[in-house]
Amino acid sequence: QVQLVQSGGGLVQAGDSLRLSCAASGDSSCISGMGWYRQAPGKERELVAAITSSDNIYYAPFVKGRFTLSRDNAKNTMYLQMSSLKPEDTAVYYCNGHGYRCPSDYWGRGTQVTVSS
């Protein structure tokens, strides 16, 4: 059973930085791509950043230049370094893992990020 365990997040002020982590445990060998999503109250879940099996990284326009996604394959862990945070970045952040050999997508439980103005 694959589990994605998230850590990080919290309450910060605008302009501050935070780092989120997502560690895959269990037999996660089927996971090839991973990503970070977020969901703000009353809004749909949206893609923030994603990394493919060939390490190509995509950033949503609203975080490009401020957020950095990285992955440590040796630790089966993905990170999201968030800088220059804005109040509109306030949301629950979820990590996602997927691959064509996986029976389904895997999701972390989510972590709250709150940015005060």
Protein backbone atom coordinates (compact mmCIF):
# COMPACT_ATOMS: atom_id res chain seq x y z
CA GLN A 1 0.00 0.00 0.00
CA VAL A 2 1.44 3.34 -1.05
CA GLN A 3 1.19 6.25 1.32
CA LEU A 4 2.16 9.85 0.65
CA VAL A 5 3.04 11.51 3.94
CA GLN A 6 3.09 15.27 3.92
CA SER A 7 4.85 17.63 6.28
CA GLY A 8 5.45 21.34 6.46
CA GLY A 9 2.94 24.11 6.08
CA GLY A 10 1.62 26.46 8.73
CA LEU A 11 0.87 30.12 9.28
CA VAL A 12 3.22 32.72 7.86
CA GLN A 13 3.17 36.35 6.85
CA ALA A 14 3.13 37.65 3.32
CA GLY A 15 6.60 37.55 1.84
CA ASP A 16 7.72 34.62 3.99
CA SER A 17 8.83 31.20 2.82
CA LEU A 18 7.75 27.66 3.60
CA ARG A 19 8.78 24.22 2.47
CA LEU A 20 6.43 21.32 2.02
CA SER A 21 7.56 17.71 1.88
CA CYS A 22 5.87 14.62 0.55
CA ALA A 23 7.43 11.26 1.33
CA ALA A 24 6.26 8.11 -0.41
CA SER A 25 6.22 4.93 1.62
CA GLY A 26 5.32 1.39 0.73
CA ASP A 27 5.77 -0.02 -2.72
CA SER A 28 5.86 3.25 -4.62
CA SER A 29 7.84 1.87 -7.54
CA CYS A 30 4.90 2.44 -9.90
CA ILE A 31 4.96 6.20 -9.29
CA SER A 32 6.62 8.07 -12.11
CA GLY A 33 5.11 11.53 -11.93
CA MET A 34 4.32 13.63 -8.89
CA GLY A 35 2.77 16.96 -8.27
CA TRP A 36 1.44 19.50 -5.83
CA TYR A 37 -2.14 20.69 -5.86
CA ARG A 38 -3.97 23.16 -3.69
CA GLN A 39 -7.54 23.90 -2.77
CA ALA A 40 -8.71 27.16 -1.28
CA PRO A 41 -12.07 27.45 0.49
CA GLY A 42 -14.90 27.54 -2.00
CA LYS A 43 -12.61 26.82 -4.91
CA GLU A 44 -11.72 23.78 -6.94
CA ARG A 45 -8.47 21.93 -6.47
CA GLU A 46 -5.83 23.28 -8.83
CA LEU A 47 -2.43 22.11 -10.00
CA VAL A 48 0.46 24.09 -8.56
CA ALA A 49 3.48 22.25 -9.92
CA ALA A 50 4.33 18.83 -11.29
CA ILE A 51 7.33 16.75 -12.21
CA THR A 52 7.41 14.01 -14.82
CA SER A 53 9.36 10.77 -14.90
CA SER A 54 11.99 12.50 -16.99
CA ASP A 55 12.23 15.32 -14.45
CA ASN A 56 10.48 17.91 -16.54
CA ILE A 57 8.82 20.38 -14.21
CA TYR A 58 5.69 22.39 -14.82
CA TYR A 59 4.63 25.39 -12.77
CA ALA A 60 1.27 27.07 -12.78
CA PRO A 61 1.59 30.68 -13.93
CA PHE A 62 0.49 31.99 -10.55
CA VAL A 63 3.50 30.43 -8.76
CA LYS A 64 6.17 30.54 -11.42
CA GLY A 65 9.25 32.28 -10.14
CA ARG A 66 8.16 31.93 -6.51
CA PHE A 67 7.79 28.17 -5.94
CA THR A 68 10.34 25.46 -6.66
CA LEU A 69 9.53 21.78 -6.92
CA SER A 70 12.27 19.24 -6.36
CA ARG A 71 12.48 15.52 -5.86
CA ASP A 72 14.97 13.31 -4.05
CA ASN A 73 14.56 9.88 -5.58
CA ALA A 74 16.89 8.27 -3.04
CA LYS A 75 14.53 9.39 -0.27
CA ASN A 76 11.32 8.96 -2.29
CA THR A 77 10.50 12.50 -1.30
CA MET A 78 9.22 15.51 -3.18
CA TYR A 79 9.49 19.07 -1.96
CA LEU A 80 7.82 22.36 -2.68
CA GLN A 81 9.83 25.39 -1.67
CA MET A 82 7.50 28.35 -1.52
CA SER A 83 8.88 31.87 -1.41
CA SER A 84 7.38 35.34 -1.57
CA LEU A 85 4.14 33.92 -0.28
CA LYS A 86 0.96 35.89 -0.84
CA PRO A 87 -2.36 35.78 1.02
CA GLU A 88 -3.91 34.26 -2.11
CA ASP A 89 -1.60 31.27 -1.69
CA THR A 90 -3.64 30.32 1.37
CA ALA A 91 -5.03 26.83 0.76
CA VAL A 92 -4.74 23.20 1.67
CA TYR A 93 -1.86 21.75 -0.32
CA TYR A 94 -1.95 18.13 -1.48
CA CYS A 95 0.76 16.01 -3.00
CA ASN A 96 -0.05 13.55 -5.74
CA GLY A 97 1.74 10.56 -7.14
CA HIS A 98 0.77 8.69 -10.29
CA GLY A 99 2.05 6.36 -12.96
CA TYR A 100 0.60 4.18 -15.68
CA ARG A 101 1.47 1.08 -13.64
CA CYS A 102 -0.29 2.40 -10.53
CA PRO A 103 -3.83 1.15 -9.89
CA SER A 104 -4.88 4.71 -9.12
CA ASP A 105 -3.52 8.11 -8.24
CA TYR A 106 -2.17 8.51 -4.74
CA TRP A 107 -2.83 11.56 -2.59
CA GLY A 108 -1.43 12.95 0.59
CA ARG A 109 -3.80 14.03 3.34
CA GLY A 110 -3.16 17.69 2.72
CA THR A 111 -1.47 20.38 4.74
CA GLN A 112 -2.78 23.83 5.51
CA VAL A 113 -0.82 26.86 4.36
CA THR A 114 -2.10 30.18 5.63
CA VAL A 115 -0.53 33.46 4.58
CA SER A 116 -1.54 36.56 6.48
CA SER A 117 -1.29 40.04 5.01
